[in-house]
């Protein structure tokens, strides 16, 4: 069982400094992986919005953050433990905050927008056409 989320940002994720370091990250070809025995969190390389397979949320993303140009997919593979969820969601929040973006969580069907001082607001995502 796994989980996916997407972070839309003005700049691409270029190194692990924007990820949460609760465990060690390894990088291969622009993809970062944080592993445990039963799970791993994968931060895929950023894609331009033109190249990304963005869903119906893309228009809402651009309405809220018109300077967004990149999409980064974050996956949890294996067991959805509390630690895996923490690494993934905290990394997504840190990426969104540091790279001036927002998160689309398909499980919640919501865009999560970082506010200026850190709390996050949820906005219902638009329904698929």
N, C-alpha and C. Protein backbone atom coordinates (compact mmCIF):
# COMPACT_ATOMS: atom_id res chain seq x y z
N UNK A 1 0.85 -1.18 0.00
CA UNK A 1 0.00 0.00 0.00
C UNK A 1 0.89 1.24 0.00
N UNK A 2 0.50 2.25 -0.72
CA UNK A 2 1.31 3.45 -0.83
C UNK A 2 0.46 4.69 -0.76
N UNK A 3 1.13 5.82 -0.95
CA UNK A 3 0.45 7.11 -0.91
C UNK A 3 1.23 8.07 -1.79
N UNK A 4 0.54 8.95 -2.48
CA UNK A 4 1.17 9.94 -3.33
C UNK A 4 0.71 11.33 -2.92
N UNK A 5 1.58 12.32 -3.15
CA UNK A 5 1.22 13.72 -3.04
C UNK A 5 2.08 14.49 -4.02
N UNK A 6 1.63 15.67 -4.39
CA UNK A 6 2.32 16.47 -5.39
C UNK A 6 2.58 17.85 -4.82
N UNK A 7 3.80 18.34 -5.01
CA UNK A 7 4.16 19.67 -4.55
C UNK A 7 4.41 20.53 -5.78
N UNK A 8 3.68 21.63 -5.87
CA UNK A 8 3.84 22.59 -6.97
C UNK A 8 4.67 23.76 -6.45
N UNK A 9 5.76 24.10 -7.16
CA UNK A 9 6.68 25.12 -6.67
C UNK A 9 7.15 26.05 -7.78
N UNK A 10 7.72 27.18 -7.36
CA UNK A 10 8.29 28.13 -8.31
C UNK A 10 9.64 27.65 -8.83
N UNK A 11 10.38 26.90 -8.02
CA UNK A 11 11.71 26.40 -8.38
C UNK A 11 11.71 24.89 -8.23
N UNK A 12 12.60 24.20 -8.93
CA UNK A 12 12.68 22.74 -8.77
C UNK A 12 13.39 22.35 -7.48
N UNK A 13 13.11 21.15 -7.00
CA UNK A 13 13.87 20.59 -5.87
C UNK A 13 15.22 20.18 -6.44
N UNK A 14 16.29 20.83 -5.95
CA UNK A 14 17.62 20.57 -6.51
C UNK A 14 18.54 19.82 -5.57
N UNK A 15 18.22 19.81 -4.29
CA UNK A 15 19.03 19.06 -3.34
C UNK A 15 18.19 18.73 -2.11
N UNK A 16 18.75 17.91 -1.23
CA UNK A 16 17.98 17.43 -0.07
C UNK A 16 17.87 18.44 1.06
N UNK A 17 18.42 19.64 0.90
CA UNK A 17 18.34 20.63 1.98
C UNK A 17 16.90 21.08 2.23
N UNK A 18 16.02 20.89 1.26
CA UNK A 18 14.62 21.28 1.45
C UNK A 18 13.76 20.13 1.96
N UNK A 19 14.38 18.99 2.29
CA UNK A 19 13.64 17.83 2.80
C UNK A 19 13.83 17.72 4.31
N UNK A 20 12.92 17.05 4.99
CA UNK A 20 13.01 16.85 6.44
C UNK A 20 14.00 15.72 6.71
N UNK A 21 14.95 15.97 7.57
CA UNK A 21 16.02 15.00 7.83
C UNK A 21 15.80 14.25 9.15
N UNK A 22 14.74 13.43 9.19
CA UNK A 22 14.52 12.55 10.33
C UNK A 22 15.33 11.27 10.15
N UNK A 23 15.67 10.96 8.91
CA UNK A 23 16.51 9.83 8.52
C UNK A 23 17.39 10.30 7.36
N UNK A 24 18.33 9.46 6.98
CA UNK A 24 19.23 9.82 5.89
C UNK A 24 18.54 9.67 4.53
N UNK A 25 18.83 10.60 3.63
CA UNK A 25 18.34 10.57 2.26
C UNK A 25 19.49 10.16 1.35
N UNK A 26 19.18 9.35 0.33
CA UNK A 26 20.16 9.04 -0.71
C UNK A 26 19.61 9.58 -2.03
N UNK A 27 20.51 10.02 -2.90
CA UNK A 27 20.11 10.62 -4.16
C UNK A 27 20.69 9.83 -5.32
N UNK A 28 19.84 9.55 -6.30
CA UNK A 28 20.26 8.90 -7.52
C UNK A 28 19.53 9.56 -8.69
N UNK A 29 20.28 10.19 -9.55
CA UNK A 29 19.70 10.77 -10.76
C UNK A 29 18.58 11.77 -10.51
N UNK A 30 18.70 12.59 -9.48
CA UNK A 30 17.68 13.60 -9.20
C UNK A 30 16.49 13.11 -8.40
N UNK A 31 16.52 11.86 -7.95
CA UNK A 31 15.46 11.31 -7.10
C UNK A 31 16.05 11.04 -5.72
N UNK A 32 15.34 11.46 -4.66
CA UNK A 32 15.80 11.26 -3.30
C UNK A 32 14.96 10.19 -2.63
N UNK A 33 15.62 9.31 -1.86
CA UNK A 33 14.93 8.20 -1.19
C UNK A 33 15.34 8.18 0.28
N UNK A 34 14.35 8.05 1.15
CA UNK A 34 14.55 7.88 2.58
C UNK A 34 13.94 6.52 2.93
N UNK A 35 14.78 5.59 3.43
CA UNK A 35 14.33 4.20 3.62
C UNK A 35 14.28 3.77 5.07
N UNK A 36 13.38 2.82 5.29
CA UNK A 36 13.31 2.06 6.52
C UNK A 36 13.14 0.60 6.10
N UNK A 37 13.05 -0.29 7.07
CA UNK A 37 12.89 -1.71 6.75
C UNK A 37 11.60 -1.99 5.98
N UNK A 38 10.49 -1.33 6.38
CA UNK A 38 9.17 -1.65 5.83
C UNK A 38 8.58 -0.58 4.91
N UNK A 39 9.31 0.51 4.68
CA UNK A 39 8.77 1.59 3.85
C UNK A 39 9.91 2.40 3.26
N UNK A 40 9.56 3.19 2.26
CA UNK A 40 10.47 4.21 1.77
C UNK A 40 9.67 5.39 1.25
N UNK A 41 10.24 6.58 1.42
CA UNK A 41 9.66 7.79 0.88
C UNK A 41 10.53 8.19 -0.30
N UNK A 42 9.89 8.42 -1.45
CA UNK A 42 10.60 8.78 -2.68
C UNK A 42 10.17 10.18 -3.09
N UNK A 43 11.16 11.06 -3.25
CA UNK A 43 10.91 12.40 -3.78
C UNK A 43 11.47 12.39 -5.19
N UNK A 44 10.56 12.34 -6.16
CA UNK A 44 10.96 12.27 -7.57
C UNK A 44 11.47 13.61 -8.04
N UNK A 45 12.27 13.59 -9.09
CA UNK A 45 12.79 14.83 -9.65
C UNK A 45 11.66 15.74 -10.12
N UNK A 46 11.85 17.03 -9.95
CA UNK A 46 10.84 18.01 -10.36
C UNK A 46 10.70 18.02 -11.87
N UNK A 47 9.45 18.18 -12.32
CA UNK A 47 9.15 18.32 -13.75
C UNK A 47 8.52 19.68 -13.97
N UNK A 48 8.74 20.23 -15.17
CA UNK A 48 8.03 21.47 -15.48
C UNK A 48 6.54 21.14 -15.59
N UNK A 49 5.71 22.14 -15.35
CA UNK A 49 4.26 21.91 -15.44
C UNK A 49 3.86 21.45 -16.83
N UNK A 50 4.56 21.90 -17.84
CA UNK A 50 4.24 21.49 -19.20
C UNK A 50 4.48 19.99 -19.38
N UNK A 51 5.54 19.47 -18.76
CA UNK A 51 5.89 18.05 -18.90
C UNK A 51 5.14 17.16 -17.92
N UNK A 52 4.69 17.72 -16.81
CA UNK A 52 4.01 16.92 -15.77
C UNK A 52 2.62 16.52 -16.22
N UNK A 53 2.17 15.38 -15.73
CA UNK A 53 0.82 14.91 -15.99
C UNK A 53 -0.09 15.47 -14.90
N UNK A 54 -0.22 16.78 -14.88
CA UNK A 54 -0.98 17.45 -13.82
C UNK A 54 -2.48 17.26 -14.06
N UNK A 55 -3.19 17.10 -12.97
CA UNK A 55 -4.63 16.89 -13.04
C UNK A 55 -5.40 18.20 -13.07
N UNK A 56 -6.70 18.12 -12.79
CA UNK A 56 -7.55 19.31 -12.84
C UNK A 56 -7.18 20.36 -11.80
N UNK A 57 -6.35 19.98 -10.82
CA UNK A 57 -5.94 20.94 -9.80
C UNK A 57 -4.98 21.99 -10.35
N UNK A 58 -4.36 21.73 -11.51
CA UNK A 58 -3.34 22.65 -12.03
C UNK A 58 -3.88 24.07 -12.22
N UNK A 59 -5.09 24.23 -12.73
CA UNK A 59 -5.64 25.57 -12.92
C UNK A 59 -5.80 26.30 -11.59
N UNK A 60 -6.26 25.58 -10.58
CA UNK A 60 -6.41 26.18 -9.25
C UNK A 60 -5.06 26.52 -8.65
N UNK A 61 -4.07 25.66 -8.85
CA UNK A 61 -2.70 25.93 -8.39
C UNK A 61 -2.21 27.24 -8.99
N UNK A 62 -2.38 27.40 -10.30
CA UNK A 62 -1.89 28.60 -10.97
C UNK A 62 -2.70 29.84 -10.60
N UNK A 63 -3.96 29.67 -10.22
CA UNK A 63 -4.75 30.81 -9.75
C UNK A 63 -4.20 31.31 -8.42
N UNK A 64 -3.85 30.37 -7.53
CA UNK A 64 -3.36 30.73 -6.20
C UNK A 64 -1.90 31.19 -6.25
N UNK A 65 -1.10 30.48 -7.02
CA UNK A 65 0.34 30.77 -7.14
C UNK A 65 0.72 30.88 -8.61
N UNK A 66 0.51 32.03 -9.24
CA UNK A 66 0.73 32.14 -10.68
C UNK A 66 2.18 31.92 -11.11
N UNK A 67 3.14 32.02 -10.19
CA UNK A 67 4.55 31.84 -10.56
C UNK A 67 5.02 30.39 -10.46
N UNK A 68 4.13 29.49 -10.10
CA UNK A 68 4.50 28.07 -10.01
C UNK A 68 4.85 27.55 -11.40
N UNK A 69 5.97 26.82 -11.48
CA UNK A 69 6.42 26.28 -12.76
C UNK A 69 6.79 24.80 -12.70
N UNK A 70 6.82 24.21 -11.48
CA UNK A 70 7.30 22.84 -11.33
C UNK A 70 6.35 22.00 -10.48
N UNK A 71 6.36 20.70 -10.75
CA UNK A 71 5.61 19.72 -9.96
C UNK A 71 6.59 18.64 -9.52
N UNK A 72 6.54 18.31 -8.23
CA UNK A 72 7.38 17.25 -7.67
C UNK A 72 6.47 16.24 -7.00
N UNK A 73 6.59 14.98 -7.39
CA UNK A 73 5.78 13.92 -6.81
C UNK A 73 6.52 13.29 -5.64
N UNK A 74 5.80 13.08 -4.54
CA UNK A 74 6.35 12.41 -3.36
C UNK A 74 5.51 11.16 -3.12
N UNK A 75 6.17 10.01 -3.00
CA UNK A 75 5.47 8.74 -2.80
C UNK A 75 5.94 8.07 -1.52
N UNK A 76 5.00 7.40 -0.86
CA UNK A 76 5.35 6.45 0.20
C UNK A 76 5.11 5.07 -0.38
N UNK A 77 6.13 4.25 -0.35
CA UNK A 77 6.04 2.88 -0.84
C UNK A 77 6.19 1.94 0.34
N UNK A 78 5.40 0.89 0.37
CA UNK A 78 5.44 -0.05 1.48
C UNK A 78 4.44 0.33 2.55
N UNK A 79 4.79 0.03 3.79
CA UNK A 79 3.89 0.24 4.93
C UNK A 79 3.69 1.73 5.22
N UNK A 80 2.45 2.13 5.42
CA UNK A 80 2.14 3.53 5.75
C UNK A 80 2.26 3.75 7.26
N UNK A 81 3.47 3.70 7.75
CA UNK A 81 3.70 3.90 9.18
C UNK A 81 3.62 5.38 9.53
N UNK A 82 3.51 5.66 10.81
CA UNK A 82 3.49 7.04 11.28
C UNK A 82 4.77 7.75 10.88
N UNK A 83 5.90 7.06 10.99
CA UNK A 83 7.18 7.68 10.63
C UNK A 83 7.24 7.99 9.13
N UNK A 84 6.80 7.07 8.30
CA UNK A 84 6.79 7.31 6.85
C UNK A 84 5.90 8.49 6.51
N UNK A 85 4.72 8.55 7.11
CA UNK A 85 3.80 9.66 6.87
C UNK A 85 4.42 10.98 7.32
N UNK A 86 5.11 10.97 8.46
CA UNK A 86 5.75 12.18 8.97
C UNK A 86 6.84 12.65 8.03
N UNK A 87 7.70 11.73 7.59
CA UNK A 87 8.79 12.10 6.66
C UNK A 87 8.21 12.68 5.38
N UNK A 88 7.19 12.03 4.82
CA UNK A 88 6.61 12.48 3.54
C UNK A 88 5.88 13.82 3.69
N UNK A 89 4.99 13.92 4.65
CA UNK A 89 4.19 15.14 4.77
C UNK A 89 5.02 16.33 5.23
N UNK A 90 5.94 16.11 6.15
CA UNK A 90 6.79 17.22 6.60
C UNK A 90 7.75 17.66 5.50
N UNK A 91 8.24 16.71 4.71
CA UNK A 91 9.08 17.09 3.56
C UNK A 91 8.27 17.88 2.54
N UNK A 92 7.05 17.44 2.26
CA UNK A 92 6.19 18.18 1.32
C UNK A 92 5.92 19.59 1.82
N UNK A 93 5.65 19.74 3.11
CA UNK A 93 5.39 21.06 3.67
C UNK A 93 6.64 21.94 3.60
N UNK A 94 7.81 21.36 3.89
CA UNK A 94 9.05 22.14 3.85
C UNK A 94 9.37 22.56 2.42
N UNK A 95 9.21 21.65 1.46
CA UNK A 95 9.44 21.98 0.05
C UNK A 95 8.50 23.12 -0.36
N UNK A 96 7.21 22.99 -0.04
CA UNK A 96 6.23 24.01 -0.42
C UNK A 96 6.57 25.36 0.20
N UNK A 97 6.99 25.36 1.43
CA UNK A 97 7.32 26.61 2.12
C UNK A 97 8.59 27.24 1.55
N UNK A 98 9.66 26.44 1.43
CA UNK A 98 10.96 26.97 1.00
C UNK A 98 10.97 27.35 -0.48
N UNK A 99 10.21 26.66 -1.32
CA UNK A 99 10.24 26.91 -2.76
C UNK A 99 8.96 27.62 -3.25
N UNK A 100 8.25 28.25 -2.30
CA UNK A 100 7.09 29.09 -2.61
C UNK A 100 6.05 28.36 -3.44
N UNK A 101 5.49 27.32 -2.83
CA UNK A 101 4.53 26.51 -3.55
C UNK A 101 3.37 26.07 -2.70
N UNK A 102 2.76 24.97 -3.11
CA UNK A 102 1.66 24.37 -2.37
C UNK A 102 1.61 22.89 -2.69
N UNK A 103 0.80 22.17 -1.92
CA UNK A 103 0.73 20.71 -1.99
C UNK A 103 -0.66 20.32 -2.48
N UNK A 104 -0.71 19.34 -3.37
CA UNK A 104 -1.98 18.70 -3.71
C UNK A 104 -1.95 17.31 -3.13
N UNK A 105 -2.90 17.01 -2.26
CA UNK A 105 -3.01 15.70 -1.64
C UNK A 105 -4.24 15.01 -2.23
N UNK A 106 -4.03 14.02 -3.13
CA UNK A 106 -5.17 13.35 -3.76
C UNK A 106 -6.03 12.57 -2.77
N UNK A 107 -5.44 12.10 -1.68
CA UNK A 107 -6.21 11.36 -0.68
C UNK A 107 -7.24 12.27 0.00
N UNK A 108 -6.85 13.51 0.27
CA UNK A 108 -7.75 14.48 0.88
C UNK A 108 -8.55 15.27 -0.16
N UNK A 109 -8.14 15.12 -1.44
CA UNK A 109 -8.70 15.91 -2.52
C UNK A 109 -8.66 17.39 -2.15
N UNK A 110 -7.46 17.84 -1.73
CA UNK A 110 -7.30 19.22 -1.27
C UNK A 110 -5.94 19.76 -1.65
N UNK A 111 -5.92 21.08 -1.88
CA UNK A 111 -4.67 21.81 -2.01
C UNK A 111 -4.32 22.32 -0.63
N UNK A 112 -3.07 22.19 -0.26
CA UNK A 112 -2.61 22.64 1.06
C UNK A 112 -1.64 23.78 0.81
N UNK A 113 -2.01 24.97 1.26
CA UNK A 113 -1.26 26.17 0.97
C UNK A 113 -0.55 26.65 2.23
N UNK A 114 0.79 26.79 2.18
CA UNK A 114 1.48 27.32 3.36
C UNK A 114 1.18 28.81 3.50
N UNK A 115 0.85 29.21 4.69
CA UNK A 115 0.64 30.62 4.97
C UNK A 115 1.97 31.25 5.37
N UNK A 116 2.04 32.54 5.47
CA UNK A 116 3.31 33.24 5.65
C UNK A 116 4.11 32.79 6.87
N UNK A 117 3.47 32.43 7.94
CA UNK A 117 4.21 32.08 9.16
C UNK A 117 4.19 30.58 9.47
N UNK A 118 3.78 29.75 8.56
CA UNK A 118 3.91 28.32 8.77
C UNK A 118 2.65 27.49 8.86
N UNK A 119 1.52 27.96 9.45
CA UNK A 119 0.35 27.09 9.46
C UNK A 119 -0.14 26.87 8.03
N UNK A 120 -0.75 25.75 7.80
CA UNK A 120 -1.20 25.40 6.44
C UNK A 120 -2.70 25.44 6.36
N UNK A 121 -3.23 25.98 5.25
CA UNK A 121 -4.66 26.04 5.01
C UNK A 121 -5.02 25.05 3.93
N UNK A 122 -6.14 24.36 4.09
CA UNK A 122 -6.63 23.41 3.07
C UNK A 122 -7.72 24.05 2.26
N UNK A 123 -7.61 23.89 0.94
CA UNK A 123 -8.60 24.40 0.01
C UNK A 123 -9.11 23.19 -0.77
N UNK A 124 -10.42 22.95 -0.81
CA UNK A 124 -10.91 21.81 -1.60
C UNK A 124 -10.44 21.92 -3.05
N UNK A 125 -9.96 20.83 -3.58
CA UNK A 125 -9.51 20.80 -4.97
C UNK A 125 -10.72 20.78 -5.89
N UNK A 126 -10.58 21.32 -7.09
CA UNK A 126 -11.69 21.27 -8.03
C UNK A 126 -11.96 19.83 -8.47
N UNK A 127 -13.20 19.54 -8.74
CA UNK A 127 -13.58 18.20 -9.20
C UNK A 127 -13.09 18.00 -10.62
N UNK A 128 -12.76 16.76 -10.93
CA UNK A 128 -12.33 16.41 -12.29
C UNK A 128 -13.48 16.64 -13.26
N UNK A 129 -13.15 17.16 -14.41
CA UNK A 129 -14.18 17.44 -15.41
C UNK A 129 -14.58 16.20 -16.16
